Structure formats: C-alpha cells, structure tokens
Amino acid sequence: MSGPHPLLDLSCRKCGRSNPWVYFAPVMVEGTGTCICMDCATARGWLNRAGNFKPGVSL
C-alpha cells in the first residue's frame, strides 16, 4: 500500500447528513456514496442498546 486512503464522501440515505462518524450499509459509486447513519438506524429501532443490529435486521 502506498500512502493513506482518502475518506469516503458519504451522505445518509435517510436524513441527508454528510459524512457521519458512524454509519452502516455504505454504497459507493465513483468516489461518492450513500449510507445510513447511526442516528437514523437508532430512530428506526434497528439497533439494541449496545449499538448492534437487533435479530432479524439486515441492511
């Protein structure tokens, strides 16, 4: 490997937040992409108290 990898340019598919610190299900196309931020996953009831997906949830 040569040098550091650039950070991804992501936006949340649910709220539009740009480059969230914690995200799930990134999809990249030509250097830009989408994801689902942790706040949106929590608001939808997809995560347990530890921040892990609840049984039956998959992205």
N, C-alpha and C. Protein backbone atom coordinates (compact mmCIF):
# COMPACT_ATOMS: atom_id res chain seq x y z
N MET A 1 0.84 -1.18 0.00
CA MET A 1 0.00 0.00 0.00
C MET A 1 0.88 1.24 0.00
N SER A 2 0.43 2.25 -0.65
CA SER A 2 1.21 3.48 -0.72
C SER A 2 0.39 4.67 -0.22
N GLY A 3 0.70 5.15 0.96
CA GLY A 3 0.05 6.33 1.49
C GLY A 3 -1.32 6.06 2.09
N PRO A 4 -1.86 7.08 2.75
CA PRO A 4 -3.18 6.92 3.40
C PRO A 4 -4.31 6.88 2.37
N HIS A 5 -5.37 6.22 2.75
CA HIS A 5 -6.56 6.16 1.91
C HIS A 5 -7.42 7.39 2.17
N PRO A 6 -7.96 8.01 1.15
CA PRO A 6 -8.83 9.18 1.38
C PRO A 6 -10.14 8.75 2.04
N LEU A 7 -10.71 9.65 2.82
CA LEU A 7 -12.01 9.37 3.44
C LEU A 7 -13.09 9.36 2.37
N LEU A 8 -14.08 8.55 2.58
CA LEU A 8 -15.19 8.45 1.65
C LEU A 8 -16.08 9.68 1.73
N ASP A 9 -16.71 10.06 0.65
CA ASP A 9 -17.68 11.16 0.63
C ASP A 9 -19.07 10.52 0.65
N LEU A 10 -19.66 10.43 1.86
CA LEU A 10 -20.93 9.74 2.05
C LEU A 10 -22.02 10.69 2.52
N SER A 11 -23.26 10.35 2.20
CA SER A 11 -24.40 11.05 2.77
C SER A 11 -25.44 10.01 3.19
N CYS A 12 -26.14 10.29 4.28
CA CYS A 12 -27.14 9.35 4.80
C CYS A 12 -28.34 9.31 3.87
N ARG A 13 -28.78 8.09 3.54
CA ARG A 13 -29.95 7.92 2.67
C ARG A 13 -31.25 8.34 3.34
N LYS A 14 -31.27 8.42 4.65
CA LYS A 14 -32.50 8.74 5.37
C LYS A 14 -32.62 10.22 5.73
N CYS A 15 -31.55 10.83 6.24
CA CYS A 15 -31.63 12.23 6.70
C CYS A 15 -30.77 13.19 5.90
N GLY A 16 -29.88 12.67 5.06
CA GLY A 16 -29.04 13.53 4.24
C GLY A 16 -27.78 14.04 4.92
N ARG A 17 -27.52 13.62 6.17
CA ARG A 17 -26.32 14.07 6.88
C ARG A 17 -25.08 13.71 6.05
N SER A 18 -24.16 14.63 5.99
CA SER A 18 -22.95 14.44 5.20
C SER A 18 -21.83 13.87 6.07
N ASN A 19 -21.22 12.80 5.61
CA ASN A 19 -20.08 12.16 6.26
C ASN A 19 -20.28 11.90 7.75
N PRO A 20 -21.29 11.07 8.13
CA PRO A 20 -21.49 10.77 9.55
C PRO A 20 -20.31 9.98 10.12
N TRP A 21 -20.06 10.13 11.42
CA TRP A 21 -18.96 9.43 12.07
C TRP A 21 -19.18 7.94 12.11
N VAL A 22 -20.42 7.52 12.38
CA VAL A 22 -20.76 6.10 12.44
C VAL A 22 -21.86 5.84 11.42
N TYR A 23 -21.65 4.84 10.58
CA TYR A 23 -22.63 4.57 9.53
C TYR A 23 -22.67 3.08 9.21
N PHE A 24 -23.75 2.69 8.54
CA PHE A 24 -23.97 1.31 8.12
C PHE A 24 -24.29 1.29 6.63
N ALA A 25 -24.11 0.15 6.00
CA ALA A 25 -24.51 -0.13 4.63
C ALA A 25 -24.02 0.91 3.61
N PRO A 26 -22.69 1.17 3.59
CA PRO A 26 -22.21 2.12 2.59
C PRO A 26 -22.32 1.56 1.17
N VAL A 27 -22.68 2.42 0.24
CA VAL A 27 -22.75 2.07 -1.18
C VAL A 27 -21.97 3.16 -1.92
N MET A 28 -20.92 2.76 -2.63
CA MET A 28 -20.06 3.72 -3.32
C MET A 28 -20.18 3.59 -4.83
N VAL A 29 -20.22 4.73 -5.51
CA VAL A 29 -20.20 4.77 -6.97
C VAL A 29 -19.30 5.95 -7.37
N GLU A 30 -18.18 5.63 -7.98
CA GLU A 30 -17.25 6.64 -8.48
C GLU A 30 -16.84 7.68 -7.44
N GLY A 31 -16.46 7.23 -6.25
CA GLY A 31 -15.93 8.14 -5.23
C GLY A 31 -16.95 8.81 -4.32
N THR A 32 -18.21 8.76 -4.63
CA THR A 32 -19.23 9.30 -3.73
C THR A 32 -20.21 8.17 -3.42
N GLY A 33 -20.93 8.35 -2.33
CA GLY A 33 -21.83 7.27 -1.97
C GLY A 33 -22.86 7.65 -0.93
N THR A 34 -23.61 6.63 -0.53
CA THR A 34 -24.64 6.79 0.48
C THR A 34 -24.44 5.76 1.58
N CYS A 35 -25.09 6.01 2.71
CA CYS A 35 -25.03 5.13 3.85
C CYS A 35 -26.27 5.37 4.69
N ILE A 36 -26.34 4.73 5.85
CA ILE A 36 -27.38 5.01 6.84
C ILE A 36 -26.64 5.34 8.13
N CYS A 37 -26.86 6.54 8.66
CA CYS A 37 -26.13 6.96 9.86
C CYS A 37 -26.69 6.25 11.09
N MET A 38 -25.90 6.21 12.14
CA MET A 38 -26.29 5.52 13.37
C MET A 38 -27.53 6.16 13.99
N ASP A 39 -27.65 7.48 13.93
CA ASP A 39 -28.83 8.15 14.49
C ASP A 39 -30.11 7.68 13.79
N CYS A 40 -30.08 7.55 12.47
CA CYS A 40 -31.26 7.10 11.74
C CYS A 40 -31.57 5.62 12.03
N ALA A 41 -30.53 4.79 12.14
CA ALA A 41 -30.74 3.38 12.47
C ALA A 41 -31.34 3.24 13.86
N THR A 42 -30.88 4.06 14.80
CA THR A 42 -31.41 4.03 16.17
C THR A 42 -32.86 4.51 16.19
N ALA A 43 -33.15 5.58 15.47
CA ALA A 43 -34.50 6.14 15.44
C ALA A 43 -35.51 5.16 14.85
N ARG A 44 -35.06 4.28 13.97
CA ARG A 44 -35.95 3.31 13.34
C ARG A 44 -36.05 2.00 14.13
N GLY A 45 -35.33 1.94 15.28
CA GLY A 45 -35.42 0.75 16.13
C GLY A 45 -34.64 -0.43 15.62
N TRP A 46 -33.63 -0.20 14.79
CA TRP A 46 -32.85 -1.29 14.21
C TRP A 46 -31.72 -1.76 15.11
N LEU A 47 -31.37 -0.96 16.14
CA LEU A 47 -30.21 -1.27 16.98
C LEU A 47 -30.63 -1.55 18.42
N ASN A 48 -29.83 -2.39 19.09
CA ASN A 48 -30.07 -2.61 20.52
C ASN A 48 -29.28 -1.57 21.31
N ARG A 49 -29.29 -1.68 22.63
CA ARG A 49 -28.62 -0.69 23.48
C ARG A 49 -27.11 -0.63 23.24
N ALA A 50 -26.52 -1.74 22.83
CA ALA A 50 -25.08 -1.79 22.59
C ALA A 50 -24.70 -1.24 21.22
N GLY A 51 -25.68 -0.91 20.39
CA GLY A 51 -25.40 -0.39 19.05
C GLY A 51 -25.27 -1.45 17.99
N ASN A 52 -25.66 -2.68 18.32
CA ASN A 52 -25.63 -3.78 17.36
C ASN A 52 -27.02 -3.95 16.75
N PHE A 53 -27.07 -4.52 15.56
CA PHE A 53 -28.37 -4.79 14.93
C PHE A 53 -29.18 -5.76 15.76
N LYS A 54 -30.46 -5.50 15.87
CA LYS A 54 -31.36 -6.43 16.53
C LYS A 54 -31.53 -7.67 15.65
N PRO A 55 -31.89 -8.81 16.23
CA PRO A 55 -32.10 -10.01 15.43
C PRO A 55 -33.14 -9.76 14.32
N GLY A 56 -32.84 -10.22 13.14
CA GLY A 56 -33.74 -10.08 12.01
C GLY A 56 -33.53 -8.83 11.18
N VAL A 57 -32.67 -7.91 11.64
CA VAL A 57 -32.39 -6.68 10.89
C VAL A 57 -31.13 -6.89 10.05
N SER A 58 -31.24 -6.63 8.78
CA SER A 58 -30.07 -6.68 7.90
C SER A 58 -30.17 -5.57 6.88
N LEU A 59 -29.05 -5.00 6.54
CA LEU A 59 -29.01 -3.90 5.57
C LEU A 59 -28.17 -4.31 4.39
